[in-house]
Amino acid sequence: MALLIDDECINCDVCEPECPNGAISQGEDIYIIDPALCTECVGHHDTPQCIEVCPVDCIDKDPDVVEEHDTLYQKYIKLTQ
């Protein structure tokens, strides 16, 4: 799965620089995660770094973008080639 930032986001700016794939960017109202770039940090870290640093716990798995660990790892390989 990709991750999703919900509307509890306070635009604190801490998640964006933590994303190793550049998947997080400022949206119109809150930060957003591009599911095409999100690997949940598979290949980089053991846990998603955006979730680790989020002070309001507003980042969860996106139920509309379901991906298995192997799929996320293949995406990581493609993004880092």
N, C-alpha and C. Protein backbone atom coordinates (compact mmCIF):
# COMPACT_ATOMS: atom_id res chain seq x y z
N MET A 1 0.83 -1.19 0.00
CA MET A 1 0.00 0.00 0.00
C MET A 1 0.87 1.24 0.00
N ALA A 2 0.37 2.24 -0.59
CA ALA A 2 0.98 3.55 -0.42
C ALA A 2 0.43 4.12 0.87
N LEU A 3 0.99 5.21 1.29
CA LEU A 3 0.50 5.86 2.50
C LEU A 3 -0.33 7.07 2.11
N LEU A 4 -1.13 7.52 3.05
CA LEU A 4 -2.07 8.61 2.82
C LEU A 4 -2.04 9.55 4.02
N ILE A 5 -1.98 10.84 3.77
CA ILE A 5 -2.04 11.84 4.84
C ILE A 5 -3.47 12.33 4.92
N ASP A 6 -4.05 12.26 6.14
CA ASP A 6 -5.45 12.68 6.27
C ASP A 6 -5.55 14.15 6.64
N ASP A 7 -6.79 14.63 6.78
CA ASP A 7 -7.03 16.06 6.96
C ASP A 7 -6.66 16.58 8.35
N GLU A 8 -6.11 15.73 9.22
CA GLU A 8 -5.61 16.19 10.50
C GLU A 8 -4.20 16.78 10.37
N CYS A 9 -3.63 16.72 9.17
CA CYS A 9 -2.30 17.26 8.91
C CYS A 9 -2.26 18.73 9.30
N ILE A 10 -1.19 19.11 10.01
CA ILE A 10 -1.04 20.50 10.46
C ILE A 10 0.02 21.26 9.65
N ASN A 11 0.46 20.66 8.54
CA ASN A 11 1.46 21.30 7.67
C ASN A 11 2.71 21.70 8.44
N CYS A 12 3.21 20.78 9.24
CA CYS A 12 4.37 21.09 10.08
C CYS A 12 5.70 20.96 9.32
N ASP A 13 5.67 20.42 8.13
CA ASP A 13 6.85 20.34 7.26
C ASP A 13 7.89 19.28 7.67
N VAL A 14 7.60 18.40 8.61
CA VAL A 14 8.62 17.43 9.01
C VAL A 14 8.63 16.17 8.16
N CYS A 15 7.53 15.80 7.55
CA CYS A 15 7.48 14.56 6.79
C CYS A 15 8.16 14.66 5.43
N GLU A 16 7.99 15.77 4.75
CA GLU A 16 8.50 15.91 3.38
C GLU A 16 10.00 15.62 3.25
N PRO A 17 10.86 16.19 4.08
CA PRO A 17 12.30 15.91 3.90
C PRO A 17 12.70 14.49 4.32
N GLU A 18 11.85 13.79 5.06
CA GLU A 18 12.17 12.44 5.49
C GLU A 18 11.91 11.38 4.42
N CYS A 19 11.14 11.71 3.40
CA CYS A 19 10.78 10.74 2.37
C CYS A 19 11.95 10.51 1.42
N PRO A 20 12.50 9.29 1.39
CA PRO A 20 13.65 9.03 0.52
C PRO A 20 13.31 8.99 -0.96
N ASN A 21 12.04 8.91 -1.30
CA ASN A 21 11.63 8.83 -2.70
C ASN A 21 11.04 10.14 -3.23
N GLY A 22 10.95 11.15 -2.40
CA GLY A 22 10.35 12.41 -2.84
C GLY A 22 8.87 12.29 -3.12
N ALA A 23 8.20 11.38 -2.42
CA ALA A 23 6.78 11.13 -2.67
C ALA A 23 5.86 12.13 -1.98
N ILE A 24 6.38 12.87 -1.02
CA ILE A 24 5.56 13.81 -0.25
C ILE A 24 5.78 15.22 -0.76
N SER A 25 4.66 15.93 -0.97
CA SER A 25 4.74 17.32 -1.41
C SER A 25 3.58 18.10 -0.81
N GLN A 26 3.71 19.42 -0.85
CA GLN A 26 2.65 20.27 -0.33
C GLN A 26 1.48 20.27 -1.30
N GLY A 27 0.32 19.90 -0.80
CA GLY A 27 -0.90 19.95 -1.60
C GLY A 27 -1.56 21.30 -1.43
N GLU A 28 -2.79 21.39 -1.88
CA GLU A 28 -3.50 22.66 -1.78
C GLU A 28 -3.76 23.05 -0.32
N ASP A 29 -4.18 22.06 0.49
CA ASP A 29 -4.48 22.35 1.89
C ASP A 29 -3.55 21.63 2.87
N ILE A 30 -3.15 20.42 2.52
CA ILE A 30 -2.28 19.62 3.39
C ILE A 30 -1.23 18.93 2.52
N TYR A 31 -0.27 18.31 3.18
CA TYR A 31 0.72 17.54 2.43
C TYR A 31 0.04 16.33 1.80
N ILE A 32 0.57 15.89 0.66
CA ILE A 32 0.03 14.73 -0.04
C ILE A 32 1.16 13.76 -0.36
N ILE A 33 0.80 12.50 -0.56
CA ILE A 33 1.76 11.47 -0.91
C ILE A 33 1.41 10.92 -2.28
N ASP A 34 2.36 10.93 -3.19
CA ASP A 34 2.18 10.38 -4.53
C ASP A 34 2.33 8.86 -4.44
N PRO A 35 1.25 8.10 -4.66
CA PRO A 35 1.33 6.64 -4.53
C PRO A 35 2.27 5.99 -5.54
N ALA A 36 2.54 6.66 -6.64
CA ALA A 36 3.46 6.11 -7.64
C ALA A 36 4.91 6.15 -7.14
N LEU A 37 5.18 7.01 -6.15
CA LEU A 37 6.53 7.14 -5.62
C LEU A 37 6.68 6.55 -4.21
N CYS A 38 5.58 6.30 -3.54
CA CYS A 38 5.63 5.81 -2.16
C CYS A 38 5.91 4.31 -2.13
N THR A 39 6.97 3.95 -1.41
CA THR A 39 7.31 2.54 -1.21
C THR A 39 7.19 2.17 0.27
N GLU A 40 6.59 3.05 1.07
CA GLU A 40 6.53 2.88 2.52
C GLU A 40 7.93 2.71 3.09
N CYS A 41 8.90 3.27 2.42
CA CYS A 41 10.33 3.23 2.77
C CYS A 41 10.95 1.84 2.61
N VAL A 42 10.22 0.91 1.98
CA VAL A 42 10.80 -0.41 1.69
C VAL A 42 12.04 -0.20 0.84
N GLY A 43 13.13 -0.85 1.22
CA GLY A 43 14.39 -0.70 0.52
C GLY A 43 15.29 0.37 1.14
N HIS A 44 14.70 1.27 1.88
CA HIS A 44 15.45 2.35 2.52
C HIS A 44 15.52 2.16 4.04
N HIS A 45 14.36 1.91 4.65
CA HIS A 45 14.25 1.84 6.11
C HIS A 45 13.30 0.70 6.50
N ASP A 46 13.34 0.32 7.76
CA ASP A 46 12.45 -0.73 8.25
C ASP A 46 11.02 -0.26 8.44
N THR A 47 10.84 1.02 8.69
CA THR A 47 9.51 1.58 8.90
C THR A 47 9.37 2.87 8.09
N PRO A 48 8.15 3.23 7.71
CA PRO A 48 7.95 4.49 6.99
C PRO A 48 8.39 5.68 7.84
N GLN A 49 9.31 6.44 7.32
CA GLN A 49 9.88 7.54 8.08
C GLN A 49 8.89 8.68 8.31
N CYS A 50 7.98 8.89 7.40
CA CYS A 50 6.99 9.96 7.59
C CYS A 50 6.10 9.66 8.80
N ILE A 51 5.75 8.39 8.98
CA ILE A 51 4.94 8.01 10.14
C ILE A 51 5.75 8.20 11.42
N GLU A 52 7.02 7.87 11.35
CA GLU A 52 7.89 8.00 12.53
C GLU A 52 7.98 9.44 13.03
N VAL A 53 8.01 10.41 12.12
CA VAL A 53 8.22 11.80 12.52
C VAL A 53 6.94 12.62 12.67
N CYS A 54 5.83 12.10 12.21
CA CYS A 54 4.57 12.86 12.24
C CYS A 54 4.12 13.11 13.68
N PRO A 55 4.00 14.39 14.07
CA PRO A 55 3.62 14.69 15.45
C PRO A 55 2.13 14.53 15.74
N VAL A 56 1.30 14.42 14.72
CA VAL A 56 -0.15 14.31 14.95
C VAL A 56 -0.74 12.98 14.50
N ASP A 57 0.11 12.05 14.08
CA ASP A 57 -0.34 10.71 13.70
C ASP A 57 -1.44 10.76 12.64
N CYS A 58 -1.16 11.46 11.54
CA CYS A 58 -2.18 11.63 10.50
C CYS A 58 -1.84 10.87 9.22
N ILE A 59 -0.90 9.92 9.29
CA ILE A 59 -0.50 9.16 8.10
C ILE A 59 -0.81 7.69 8.31
N ASP A 60 -1.60 7.13 7.38
CA ASP A 60 -2.00 5.73 7.44
C ASP A 60 -1.85 5.09 6.07
N LYS A 61 -2.07 3.80 6.01
CA LYS A 61 -2.06 3.09 4.73
C LYS A 61 -3.27 3.53 3.91
N ASP A 62 -3.05 3.71 2.64
CA ASP A 62 -4.12 4.14 1.73
C ASP A 62 -4.90 2.90 1.29
N PRO A 63 -6.16 2.77 1.70
CA PRO A 63 -6.94 1.59 1.35
C PRO A 63 -7.23 1.47 -0.15
N ASP A 64 -7.05 2.56 -0.89
CA ASP A 64 -7.29 2.53 -2.33
C ASP A 64 -6.07 2.11 -3.13
N VAL A 65 -4.90 2.03 -2.48
CA VAL A 65 -3.67 1.64 -3.18
C VAL A 65 -3.02 0.50 -2.38
N VAL A 66 -3.50 -0.72 -2.63
CA VAL A 66 -3.02 -1.89 -1.90
C VAL A 66 -1.85 -2.52 -2.65
N GLU A 67 -0.71 -2.62 -1.96
CA GLU A 67 0.49 -3.21 -2.56
C GLU A 67 1.17 -4.10 -1.53
N GLU A 68 1.63 -5.26 -1.97
CA GLU A 68 2.36 -6.17 -1.10
C GLU A 68 3.81 -5.71 -0.97
N HIS A 69 4.51 -6.26 0.01
CA HIS A 69 5.91 -5.90 0.26
C HIS A 69 6.77 -6.10 -1.00
N ASP A 70 6.57 -7.21 -1.70
CA ASP A 70 7.36 -7.48 -2.91
C ASP A 70 7.12 -6.42 -3.99
N THR A 71 5.88 -5.99 -4.11
CA THR A 71 5.55 -4.95 -5.09
C THR A 71 6.22 -3.63 -4.71
N LEU A 72 6.19 -3.31 -3.42
CA LEU A 72 6.85 -2.10 -2.95
C LEU A 72 8.36 -2.17 -3.20
N TYR A 73 8.94 -3.35 -2.98
CA TYR A 73 10.38 -3.50 -3.21
C TYR A 73 10.72 -3.36 -4.69
N GLN A 74 9.90 -3.91 -5.57
CA GLN A 74 10.12 -3.76 -7.01
C GLN A 74 10.01 -2.29 -7.43
N LYS A 75 9.07 -1.57 -6.82
CA LYS A 75 8.94 -0.14 -7.09
C LYS A 75 10.20 0.60 -6.63
N TYR A 76 10.71 0.23 -5.46
CA TYR A 76 11.95 0.81 -4.93
C TYR A 76 13.10 0.61 -5.92
N ILE A 77 13.24 -0.62 -6.43
CA ILE A 77 14.31 -0.91 -7.38
C ILE A 77 14.17 -0.04 -8.63
N LYS A 78 12.95 0.06 -9.13
CA LYS A 78 12.71 0.86 -10.34
C LYS A 78 13.03 2.34 -10.09
N LEU A 79 12.66 2.85 -8.92
CA LEU A 79 12.88 4.26 -8.60
C LEU A 79 14.35 4.59 -8.36
N THR A 80 15.13 3.61 -7.94
CA THR A 80 16.53 3.88 -7.60
C THR A 80 17.52 3.47 -8.67
N GLN A 81 17.05 3.01 -9.80
CA GLN A 81 17.96 2.62 -10.89
C GLN A 81 18.60 3.84 -11.51
